[in-house]
Amino acid sequence: MDLEECVQITDGTLIQLSIHCPRLQVLSLSHCELITDDGIRHLGSGPCAHDRLEVIELDNCPLITDASLEHLKSCHSLDRIELYDCQQITRAGIKRLRVSCVG
């Protein structure tokens, strides 16, 4: 699902996606500047997260932090995360996610 540059996307939208889109495999949220860690938390705990979600693009989402990466650890099928220009994401957060995915 391509929601890139849909500037009105909020955490509420992600809550609805997590409930009503259990077969979601690819999600582009790049430049959706209103989403926060709370929205990613709901997405990461939704039905699609555990077995289906393979790609999530979060480029230029300025409000997400390393907490979002923690919420995505439950996405066991996740193959790619794009985080370009997410200034609150740290290298340490990325490293923790990589370790949990490999281990």
PDB file of N, CA and C in Angstrom:
ATOM      1  N   MET A   1       0.856  -1.169   0.000  1.00  0.00           N
ATOM      2  CA  MET A   1       0.000   0.000   0.000  1.00  0.00           C
ATOM      3  C   MET A   1       0.901   1.231   0.000  1.00  0.00           C
ATOM      4  N   ASP A   2       0.699   2.084  -0.944  1.00  0.00           N
ATOM      5  CA  ASP A   2       1.533   3.275  -1.096  1.00  0.00           C
ATOM      6  C   ASP A   2       0.805   4.500  -0.564  1.00  0.00           C
ATOM      7  N   LEU A   3       1.222   4.965   0.599  1.00  0.00           N
ATOM      8  CA  LEU A   3       0.661   6.171   1.202  1.00  0.00           C
ATOM      9  C   LEU A   3       1.706   7.280   1.271  1.00  0.00           C
ATOM     10  N   GLU A   4       2.777   7.119   0.503  1.00  0.00           N
ATOM     11  CA  GLU A   4       3.853   8.102   0.492  1.00  0.00           C
ATOM     12  C   GLU A   4       3.317   9.491   0.174  1.00  0.00           C
ATOM     13  N   GLU A   5       3.771  10.454   0.956  1.00  0.00           N
ATOM     14  CA  GLU A   5       3.426  11.869   0.800  1.00  0.00           C
ATOM     15  C   GLU A   5       1.945  12.160   1.036  1.00  0.00           C
ATOM     16  N   CYS A   6       1.238  11.256   1.674  1.00  0.00           N
ATOM     17  CA  CYS A   6      -0.139  11.542   2.091  1.00  0.00           C
ATOM     18  C   CYS A   6      -0.023  12.252   3.437  1.00  0.00           C
ATOM     19  N   VAL A   7      -0.009  13.563   3.376  1.00  0.00           N
ATOM     20  CA  VAL A   7       0.356  14.352   4.546  1.00  0.00           C
ATOM     21  C   VAL A   7      -0.681  14.321   5.662  1.00  0.00           C
ATOM     22  N   GLN A   8      -1.850  13.803   5.404  1.00  0.00           N
ATOM     23  CA  GLN A   8      -2.879  13.723   6.438  1.00  0.00           C
ATOM     24  C   GLN A   8      -2.900  12.382   7.178  1.00  0.00           C
ATOM     25  N   ILE A   9      -1.980  11.494   6.837  1.00  0.00           N
ATOM     26  CA  ILE A   9      -1.901  10.200   7.520  1.00  0.00           C
ATOM     27  C   ILE A   9      -1.451  10.429   8.959  1.00  0.00           C
ATOM     28  N   THR A  10      -2.181   9.846   9.899  1.00  0.00           N
ATOM     29  CA  THR A  10      -1.870  10.001  11.322  1.00  0.00           C
ATOM     30  C   THR A  10      -1.765   8.625  11.976  1.00  0.00           C
ATOM     31  N   ASP A  11      -1.484   8.639  13.270  1.00  0.00           N
ATOM     32  CA  ASP A  11      -1.465   7.389  14.029  1.00  0.00           C
ATOM     33  C   ASP A  11      -2.822   6.694  13.962  1.00  0.00           C
ATOM     34  N   GLY A  12      -3.890   7.473  13.920  1.00  0.00           N
ATOM     35  CA  GLY A  12      -5.229   6.895  13.792  1.00  0.00           C
ATOM     36  C   GLY A  12      -5.379   6.074  12.522  1.00  0.00           C
ATOM     37  N   THR A  13      -4.770   6.550  11.449  1.00  0.00           N
ATOM     38  CA  THR A  13      -4.784   5.804  10.190  1.00  0.00           C
ATOM     39  C   THR A  13      -4.071   4.470  10.362  1.00  0.00           C
ATOM     40  N   LEU A  14      -2.937   4.497  11.044  1.00  0.00           N
ATOM     41  CA  LEU A  14      -2.166   3.263  11.247  1.00  0.00           C
ATOM     42  C   LEU A  14      -2.922   2.282  12.135  1.00  0.00           C
ATOM     43  N   ILE A  15      -3.661   2.796  13.098  1.00  0.00           N
ATOM     44  CA  ILE A  15      -4.490   1.921  13.939  1.00  0.00           C
ATOM     45  C   ILE A  15      -5.518   1.214  13.066  1.00  0.00           C
ATOM     46  N   GLN A  16      -6.172   1.952  12.174  1.00  0.00           N
ATOM     47  CA  GLN A  16      -7.169   1.358  11.284  1.00  0.00           C
ATOM     48  C   GLN A  16      -6.536   0.341  10.332  1.00  0.00           C
ATOM     49  N   LEU A  17      -5.368   0.659   9.809  1.00  0.00           N
ATOM     50  CA  LEU A  17      -4.666  -0.289   8.933  1.00  0.00           C
ATOM     51  C   LEU A  17      -4.339  -1.572   9.686  1.00  0.00           C
ATOM     52  N   SER A  18      -3.891  -1.435  10.927  1.00  0.00           N
ATOM     53  CA  SER A  18      -3.508  -2.621  11.703  1.00  0.00           C
ATOM     54  C   SER A  18      -4.714  -3.519  11.973  1.00  0.00           C
ATOM     55  N   ILE A  19      -5.887  -2.938  12.062  1.00  0.00           N
ATOM     56  CA  ILE A  19      -7.103  -3.710  12.339  1.00  0.00           C
ATOM     57  C   ILE A  19      -7.706  -4.284  11.056  1.00  0.00           C
ATOM     58  N   HIS A  20      -7.776  -3.469  10.009  1.00  0.00           N
ATOM     59  CA  HIS A  20      -8.562  -3.829   8.826  1.00  0.00           C
ATOM     60  C   HIS A  20      -7.755  -4.341   7.631  1.00  0.00           C
ATOM     61  N   CYS A  21      -6.435  -4.362   7.739  1.00  0.00           N
ATOM     62  CA  CYS A  21      -5.610  -4.835   6.617  1.00  0.00           C
ATOM     63  C   CYS A  21      -4.680  -5.958   7.077  1.00  0.00           C
ATOM     64  N   PRO A  22      -5.226  -7.112   7.450  1.00  0.00           N
ATOM     65  CA  PRO A  22      -4.389  -8.182   7.994  1.00  0.00           C
ATOM     66  C   PRO A  22      -3.453  -8.827   6.987  1.00  0.00           C
ATOM     67  N   ARG A  23      -3.645  -8.574   5.700  1.00  0.00           N
ATOM     68  CA  ARG A  23      -2.782  -9.184   4.687  1.00  0.00           C
ATOM     69  C   ARG A  23      -1.756  -8.201   4.109  1.00  0.00           C
ATOM     70  N   LEU A  24      -1.606  -7.092   4.766  1.00  0.00           N
ATOM     71  CA  LEU A  24      -0.684  -6.049   4.307  1.00  0.00           C
ATOM     72  C   LEU A  24       0.753  -6.580   4.279  1.00  0.00           C
ATOM     73  N   GLN A  25       1.406  -6.456   3.126  1.00  0.00           N
ATOM     74  CA  GLN A  25       2.778  -6.943   2.983  1.00  0.00           C
ATOM     75  C   GLN A  25       3.778  -5.808   2.795  1.00  0.00           C
ATOM     76  N   VAL A  26       3.391  -4.775   2.069  1.00  0.00           N
ATOM     77  CA  VAL A  26       4.280  -3.655   1.777  1.00  0.00           C
ATOM     78  C   VAL A  26       3.544  -2.373   2.145  1.00  0.00           C
ATOM     79  N   LEU A  27       4.213  -1.506   2.892  1.00  0.00           N
ATOM     80  CA  LEU A  27       3.591  -0.259   3.303  1.00  0.00           C
ATOM     81  C   LEU A  27       4.598   0.876   3.180  1.00  0.00           C
ATOM     82  N   SER A  28       4.247   1.866   2.360  1.00  0.00           N
ATOM     83  CA  SER A  28       5.088   3.052   2.208  1.00  0.00           C
ATOM     84  C   SER A  28       4.432   4.217   2.933  1.00  0.00           C
ATOM     85  N   LEU A  29       5.122   4.709   3.953  1.00  0.00           N
ATOM     86  CA  LEU A  29       4.661   5.850   4.735  1.00  0.00           C
ATOM     87  C   LEU A  29       5.645   7.009   4.647  1.00  0.00           C
ATOM     88  N   SER A  30       6.534   6.963   3.674  1.00  0.00           N
ATOM     89  CA  SER A  30       7.544   8.012   3.535  1.00  0.00           C
ATOM     90  C   SER A  30       6.880   9.373   3.379  1.00  0.00           C
ATOM     91  N   HIS A  31       7.435  10.347   4.073  1.00  0.00           N
ATOM     92  CA  HIS A  31       6.960  11.739   4.058  1.00  0.00           C
ATOM     93  C   HIS A  31       5.592  11.903   4.713  1.00  0.00           C
ATOM     94  N   CYS A  32       5.172  10.941   5.502  1.00  0.00           N
ATOM     95  CA  CYS A  32       3.948  11.074   6.306  1.00  0.00           C
ATOM     96  C   CYS A  32       4.407  11.627   7.652  1.00  0.00           C
ATOM     97  N   GLU A  33       4.477  12.908   7.725  1.00  0.00           N
ATOM     98  CA  GLU A  33       5.186  13.566   8.818  1.00  0.00           C
ATOM     99  C   GLU A  33       4.409  13.646  10.126  1.00  0.00           C
ATOM    100  N   LEU A  34       3.192  13.144  10.172  1.00  0.00           N
ATOM    101  CA  LEU A  34       2.402  13.199  11.396  1.00  0.00           C
ATOM    102  C   LEU A  34       2.419  11.895  12.198  1.00  0.00           C
ATOM    103  N   ILE A  35       2.954  10.828  11.617  1.00  0.00           N
ATOM    104  CA  ILE A  35       2.957   9.561  12.347  1.00  0.00           C
ATOM    105  C   ILE A  35       4.037   9.564  13.418  1.00  0.00           C
ATOM    106  N   THR A  36       3.736   8.849  14.506  1.00  0.00           N
ATOM    107  CA  THR A  36       4.647   8.792  15.643  1.00  0.00           C
ATOM    108  C   THR A  36       4.907   7.338  16.026  1.00  0.00           C
ATOM    109  N   ASP A  37       5.689   7.175  17.068  1.00  0.00           N
ATOM    110  CA  ASP A  37       5.983   5.837  17.589  1.00  0.00           C
ATOM    111  C   ASP A  37       4.713   5.096  17.981  1.00  0.00           C
ATOM    112  N   ASP A  38       3.705   5.814  18.455  1.00  0.00           N
ATOM    113  CA  ASP A  38       2.468   5.183  18.870  1.00  0.00           C
ATOM    114  C   ASP A  38       1.764   4.511  17.689  1.00  0.00           C
ATOM    115  N   GLY A  39       1.750   5.167  16.549  1.00  0.00           N
ATOM    116  CA  GLY A  39       1.158   4.559  15.359  1.00  0.00           C
ATOM    117  C   GLY A  39       1.913   3.321  14.913  1.00  0.00           C
ATOM    118  N   ILE A  40       3.222   3.383  14.960  1.00  0.00           N
ATOM    119  CA  ILE A  40       4.046   2.222  14.594  1.00  0.00           C
ATOM    120  C   ILE A  40       3.837   1.090  15.601  1.00  0.00           C
ATOM    121  N   ARG A  41       3.620   1.450  16.866  1.00  0.00           N
ATOM    122  CA  ARG A  41       3.354   0.430  17.898  1.00  0.00           C
ATOM    123  C   ARG A  41       2.093  -0.352  17.534  1.00  0.00           C
ATOM    124  N   HIS A  42       1.042   0.340  17.135  1.00  0.00           N
ATOM    125  CA  HIS A  42      -0.200  -0.345  16.751  1.00  0.00           C
ATOM    126  C   HIS A  42       0.013  -1.204  15.507  1.00  0.00           C
ATOM    127  N   LEU A  43       0.733  -0.679  14.559  1.00  0.00           N
ATOM    128  CA  LEU A  43       1.018  -1.442  13.347  1.00  0.00           C
ATOM    129  C   LEU A  43       1.818  -2.702  13.678  1.00  0.00           C
ATOM    130  N   GLY A  44       2.805  -2.548  14.544  1.00  0.00           N
ATOM    131  CA  GLY A  44       3.653  -3.676  14.930  1.00  0.00           C
ATOM    132  C   GLY A  44       2.940  -4.738  15.742  1.00  0.00           C
ATOM    133  N   SER A  45       1.806  -4.387  16.342  1.00  0.00           N
ATOM    134  CA  SER A  45       1.064  -5.365  17.127  1.00  0.00           C
ATOM    135  C   SER A  45      -0.174  -5.885  16.387  1.00  0.00           C
ATOM    136  N   GLY A  46      -0.375  -5.424  15.158  1.00  0.00           N
ATOM    137  CA  GLY A  46      -1.530  -5.856  14.368  1.00  0.00           C
ATOM    138  C   GLY A  46      -1.316  -7.223  13.738  1.00  0.00           C
ATOM    139  N   PRO A  47      -2.383  -7.796  13.184  1.00  0.00           N
ATOM    140  CA  PRO A  47      -2.307  -9.137  12.598  1.00  0.00           C
ATOM    141  C   PRO A  47      -1.319  -9.258  11.444  1.00  0.00           C
ATOM    142  N   CYS A  48      -1.145  -8.210  10.658  1.00  0.00           N
ATOM    143  CA  CYS A  48      -0.232  -8.304   9.511  1.00  0.00           C
ATOM    144  C   CYS A  48       1.228  -8.343   9.954  1.00  0.00           C
ATOM    145  N   ALA A  49       1.502  -7.786  11.110  1.00  0.00           N
ATOM    146  CA  ALA A  49       2.889  -7.607  11.529  1.00  0.00           C
ATOM    147  C   ALA A  49       3.627  -8.923  11.726  1.00  0.00           C
ATOM    148  N   HIS A  50       2.990  -9.863  12.352  1.00  0.00           N
ATOM    149  CA  HIS A  50       3.708 -11.065  12.755  1.00  0.00           C
ATOM    150  C   HIS A  50       4.120 -11.952  11.590  1.00  0.00           C
ATOM    151  N   ASP A  51       3.278 -12.084  10.589  1.00  0.00           N
ATOM    152  CA  ASP A  51       3.566 -13.046   9.524  1.00  0.00           C
ATOM    153  C   ASP A  51       3.588 -12.472   8.118  1.00  0.00           C
ATOM    154  N   ARG A  52       3.116 -11.261   7.921  1.00  0.00           N
ATOM    155  CA  ARG A  52       2.929 -10.779   6.554  1.00  0.00           C
ATOM    156  C   ARG A  52       3.795  -9.593   6.162  1.00  0.00           C
ATOM    157  N   LEU A  53       3.904  -8.599   7.020  1.00  0.00           N
ATOM    158  CA  LEU A  53       4.560  -7.350   6.637  1.00  0.00           C
ATOM    159  C   LEU A  53       6.027  -7.595   6.292  1.00  0.00           C
ATOM    160  N   GLU A  54       6.383  -7.319   5.030  1.00  0.00           N
ATOM    161  CA  GLU A  54       7.739  -7.573   4.543  1.00  0.00           C
ATOM    162  C   GLU A  54       8.540  -6.296   4.350  1.00  0.00           C
ATOM    163  N   VAL A  55       7.877  -5.203   3.987  1.00  0.00           N
ATOM    164  CA  VAL A  55       8.554  -3.942   3.682  1.00  0.00           C
ATOM    165  C   VAL A  55       7.795  -2.796   4.333  1.00  0.00           C
ATOM    166  N   ILE A  56       8.528  -1.927   5.013  1.00  0.00           N
ATOM    167  CA  ILE A  56       7.935  -0.687   5.520  1.00  0.00           C
ATOM    168  C   ILE A  56       8.901   0.448   5.216  1.00  0.00           C
ATOM    169  N   GLU A  57       8.386   1.454   4.556  1.00  0.00           N
ATOM    170  CA  GLU A  57       9.189   2.615   4.176  1.00  0.00           C
ATOM    171  C   GLU A  57       8.777   3.795   5.047  1.00  0.00           C
ATOM    172  N   LEU A  58       9.725   4.306   5.801  1.00  0.00           N
ATOM    173  CA  LEU A  58       9.467   5.388   6.746  1.00  0.00           C
ATOM    174  C   LEU A  58      10.376   6.588   6.489  1.00  0.00           C
ATOM    175  N   ASP A  59      10.881   6.716   5.277  1.00  0.00           N
ATOM    176  CA  ASP A  59      11.771   7.832   4.955  1.00  0.00           C
ATOM    177  C   ASP A  59      11.118   9.161   5.305  1.00  0.00           C
ATOM    178  N   ASN A  60      11.897  10.029   5.922  1.00  0.00           N
ATOM    179  CA  ASN A  60      11.466  11.390   6.237  1.00  0.00           C
ATOM    180  C   ASN A  60      10.174  11.420   7.063  1.00  0.00           C
ATOM    181  N   CYS A  61      10.152  10.610   8.107  1.00  0.00           N
ATOM    182  CA  CYS A  61       9.077  10.648   9.111  1.00  0.00           C
ATOM    183  C   CYS A  61       9.726  11.198  10.384  1.00  0.00           C
ATOM    184  N   PRO A  62       9.666  12.497  10.581  1.00  0.00           N
ATOM    185  CA  PRO A  62      10.491  13.150  11.601  1.00  0.00           C
ATOM    186  C   PRO A  62      10.116  12.851  13.049  1.00  0.00           C
ATOM    187  N   LEU A  63       8.940  12.291  13.297  1.00  0.00           N
ATOM    188  CA  LEU A  63       8.510  12.084  14.680  1.00  0.00           C
ATOM    189  C   LEU A  63       8.790  10.680  15.201  1.00  0.00           C
ATOM    190  N   ILE A  64       9.232   9.781  14.333  1.00  0.00           N
ATOM    191  CA  ILE A  64       9.513   8.433  14.824  1.00  0.00           C
ATOM    192  C   ILE A  64      10.911   8.375  15.417  1.00  0.00           C
ATOM    193  N   THR A  65      11.047   7.516  16.424  1.00  0.00           N
ATOM    194  CA  THR A  65      12.311   7.381  17.149  1.00  0.00           C
ATOM    195  C   THR A  65      12.706   5.903  17.189  1.00  0.00           C
ATOM    196  N   ASP A  66      13.740   5.624  17.944  1.00  0.00           N
ATOM    197  CA  ASP A  66      14.163   4.231  18.122  1.00  0.00           C
ATOM    198  C   ASP A  66      13.055   3.364  18.710  1.00  0.00           C
ATOM    199  N   ALA A  67      12.120   3.969  19.411  1.00  0.00           N
ATOM    200  CA  ALA A  67      10.989   3.204  19.969  1.00  0.00           C
ATOM    201  C   ALA A  67      10.213   2.510  18.849  1.00  0.00           C
ATOM    202  N   SER A  68      10.099   3.149  17.690  1.00  0.00           N
ATOM    203  CA  SER A  68       9.409   2.519  16.559  1.00  0.00           C
ATOM    204  C   SER A  68      10.117   1.252  16.128  1.00  0.00           C
ATOM    205  N   LEU A  69      11.435   1.276  16.158  1.00  0.00           N
ATOM    206  CA  LEU A  69      12.190   0.082  15.778  1.00  0.00           C
ATOM    207  C   LEU A  69      11.927  -1.050  16.759  1.00  0.00           C
ATOM    208  N   GLU A  70      11.790  -0.710  18.031  1.00  0.00           N
ATOM    209  CA  GLU A  70      11.463  -1.723  19.037  1.00  0.00           C
ATOM    210  C   GLU A  70      10.098  -2.347  18.734  1.00  0.00           C
ATOM    211  N   HIS A  71       9.147  -1.530  18.316  1.00  0.00           N
ATOM    212  CA  HIS A  71       7.804  -2.031  18.005  1.00  0.00           C
ATOM    213  C   HIS A  71       7.803  -2.919  16.766  1.00  0.00           C
ATOM    214  N   LEU A  72       8.758  -2.719  15.875  1.00  0.00           N
ATOM    215  CA  LEU A  72       8.816  -3.508  14.638  1.00  0.00           C
ATOM    216  C   LEU A  72       9.530  -4.844  14.828  1.00  0.00           C
ATOM    217  N   LYS A  73      10.095  -5.085  15.990  1.00  0.00           N
ATOM    218  CA  LYS A  73      10.771  -6.358  16.248  1.00  0.00           C
ATOM    219  C   LYS A  73       9.821  -7.544  16.145  1.00  0.00           C
ATOM    220  N   SER A  74       8.535  -7.316  16.348  1.00  0.00           N
ATOM    221  CA  SER A  74       7.559  -8.407  16.280  1.00  0.00           C
ATOM    222  C   SER A  74       7.194  -8.771  14.841  1.00  0.00           C
ATOM    223  N   CYS A  75       7.676  -8.010  13.883  1.00  0.00           N
ATOM    224  CA  CYS A  75       7.385  -8.261  12.465  1.00  0.00           C
ATOM    225  C   CYS A  75       8.394  -9.263  11.918  1.00  0.00           C
ATOM    226  N   HIS A  76       8.089 -10.531  12.095  1.00  0.00           N
ATOM    227  CA  HIS A  76       9.049 -11.585  11.782  1.00  0.00           C
ATOM    228  C   HIS A  76       9.330 -11.752  10.296  1.00  0.00           C
ATOM    229  N   SER A  77       8.456 -11.282   9.433  1.00  0.00           N
ATOM    230  CA  SER A  77       8.673 -11.403   7.988  1.00  0.00           C
ATOM    231  C   SER A  77       9.323 -10.165   7.394  1.00  0.00           C
ATOM    232  N   LEU A  78       9.590  -9.177   8.229  1.00  0.00           N
ATOM    233  CA  LEU A  78      10.134  -7.913   7.736  1.00  0.00           C
ATOM    234  C   LEU A  78      11.500  -8.127   7.092  1.00  0.00           C
ATOM    235  N   ASP A  79      11.585  -7.728   5.840  1.00  0.00           N
ATOM    236  CA  ASP A  79      12.808  -7.909   5.065  1.00  0.00           C
ATOM    237  C   ASP A  79      13.516  -6.582   4.818  1.00  0.00           C
ATOM    238  N   ARG A  80      12.745  -5.488   4.780  1.00  0.00           N
ATOM    239  CA  ARG A  80      13.347  -4.183   4.481  1.00  0.00           C
ATOM    240  C   ARG A  80      12.620  -3.078   5.225  1.00  0.00           C
ATOM    241  N   ILE A  81      13.415  -2.192   5.835  1.00  0.00           N
ATOM    242  CA  ILE A  81      12.906  -0.979   6.466  1.00  0.00           C
ATOM    243  C   ILE A  81      13.697   0.178   5.884  1.00  0.00           C
ATOM    244  N   GLU A  82      13.008   1.179   5.394  1.00  0.00           N
ATOM    245  CA  GLU A  82      13.685   2.367   4.881  1.00  0.00           C
ATOM    246  C   GLU A  82      13.511   3.490   5.894  1.00  0.00           C
ATOM    247  N   LEU A  83      14.633   4.100   6.271  1.00  0.00           N
ATOM    248  CA  LEU A  83      14.640   5.103   7.336  1.00  0.00           C
ATOM    249  C   LEU A  83      15.407   6.361   6.953  1.00  0.00           C
ATOM    250  N   TYR A  84      15.566   6.620   5.674  1.00  0.00           N
ATOM    251  CA  TYR A  84      16.334   7.779   5.235  1.00  0.00           C
ATOM    252  C   TYR A  84      15.754   9.071   5.818  1.00  0.00           C
ATOM    253  N   ASP A  85      16.610   9.887   6.359  1.00  0.00           N
ATOM    254  CA  ASP A  85      16.273  11.196   6.908  1.00  0.00           C
ATOM    255  C   ASP A  85      15.285  11.131   8.078  1.00  0.00           C
ATOM    256  N   CYS A  86      15.335  10.036   8.829  1.00  0.00           N
ATOM    257  CA  CYS A  86      14.591   9.938  10.094  1.00  0.00           C
ATOM    258  C   CYS A  86      15.583  10.344  11.174  1.00  0.00           C
ATOM    259  N   GLN A  87      15.593  11.587  11.507  1.00  0.00           N
ATOM    260  CA  GLN A  87      16.670  12.143  12.311  1.00  0.00           C
ATOM    261  C   GLN A  87      16.660  11.715  13.771  1.00  0.00           C
ATOM    262  N   GLN A  88      15.553  11.153  14.246  1.00  0.00           N
ATOM    263  CA  GLN A  88      15.526  10.679  15.626  1.00  0.00           C
ATOM    264  C   GLN A  88      15.834   9.187  15.754  1.00  0.00           C
ATOM    265  N   ILE A  89      16.104   8.543  14.630  1.00  0.00           N
ATOM    266  CA  ILE A  89      16.535   7.147  14.639  1.00  0.00           C
ATOM    267  C   ILE A  89      18.057   7.145  14.777  1.00  0.00           C
ATOM    268  N   THR A  90      18.555   6.371  15.727  1.00  0.00           N
ATOM    269  CA  THR A  90      19.999   6.339  15.963  1.00  0.00           C
ATOM    270  C   THR A  90      20.618   5.055  15.410  1.00  0.00           C
ATOM    271  N   ARG A  91      21.912   5.082  15.275  1.00  0.00           N
ATOM    272  CA  ARG A  91      22.632   3.871  14.852  1.00  0.00           C
ATOM    273  C   ARG A  91      22.464   2.763  15.878  1.00  0.00           C
ATOM    274  N   ALA A  92      22.434   3.142  17.148  1.00  0.00           N
ATOM    275  CA  ALA A  92      22.249   2.142  18.210  1.00  0.00           C
ATOM    276  C   ALA A  92      20.888   1.461  18.071  1.00  0.00           C
ATOM    277  N   GLY A  93      19.854   2.220  17.741  1.00  0.00           N
ATOM    278  CA  GLY A  93      18.524   1.648  17.545  1.00  0.00           C
ATOM    279  C   GLY A  93      18.490   0.681  16.377  1.00  0.00           C
ATOM    280  N   ILE A  94      19.147   1.052  15.297  1.00  0.00           N
ATOM    281  CA  ILE A  94      19.225   0.171  14.124  1.00  0.00           C
ATOM    282  C   ILE A  94      19.987  -1.098  14.467  1.00  0.00           C
ATOM    283  N   LYS A  95      21.071  -0.948  15.211  1.00  0.00           N
ATOM    284  CA  LYS A  95      21.876  -2.109  15.593  1.00  0.00           C
ATOM    285  C   LYS A  95      21.061  -3.073  16.458  1.00  0.00           C
ATOM    286  N   ARG A  96      20.281  -2.547  17.400  1.00  0.00           N
ATOM    287  CA  ARG A  96      19.439  -3.412  18.248  1.00  0.00           C
ATOM    288  C   ARG A  96      18.419  -4.171  17.405  1.00  0.00           C
ATOM    289  N   LEU A  97      17.847  -3.504  16.417  1.00  0.00           N
ATOM    290  CA  LEU A  97      16.879  -4.179  15.546  1.00  0.00           C
ATOM    291  C   LEU A  97      17.561  -5.262  14.727  1.00  0.00           C
ATOM    292  N   ARG A  98      18.718  -4.970  14.205  1.00  0.00           N
ATOM    293  CA  ARG A  98      19.439  -5.968  13.397  1.00  0.00           C
ATOM    294  C   ARG A  98      19.781  -7.199  14.228  1.00  0.00           C
ATOM    295  N   VAL A  99      20.231  -6.974  15.447  1.00  0.00           N
ATOM    296  CA  VAL A  99      20.592  -8.090  16.325  1.00  0.00           C
ATOM    297  C   VAL A  99      19.369  -8.947  16.616  1.00  0.00           C
ATOM    298  N   SER A 100      18.220  -8.328  16.851  1.00  0.00           N
ATOM    299  CA  SER A 100      17.022  -9.100  17.163  1.00  0.00           C
ATOM    300  C   SER A 100      16.516  -9.869  15.946  1.00  0.00           C
ATOM    301  N   CYS A 101      16.751  -9.333  14.745  1.00  0.00           N
ATOM    302  CA  CYS A 101      16.306 -10.006  13.519  1.00  0.00           C
ATOM    303  C   CYS A 101      17.200 -11.195  13.189  1.00  0.00           C
ATOM    304  N   VAL A 102      18.477 -11.083  13.502  1.00  0.00           N
ATOM    305  CA  VAL A 102      19.415 -12.153  13.201  1.00  0.00           C
ATOM    306  C   VAL A 102      19.333 -13.253  14.261  1.00  0.00           C
ATOM    307  N   GLY A 103      19.129 -12.832  15.499  1.00  0.00           N
ATOM    308  CA  GLY A 103      19.171 -13.764  16.623  1.00  0.00           C
ATOM    309  C   GLY A 103      17.970 -14.547  16.849  1.00  0.00           C
TER     310      GLY A 103
END
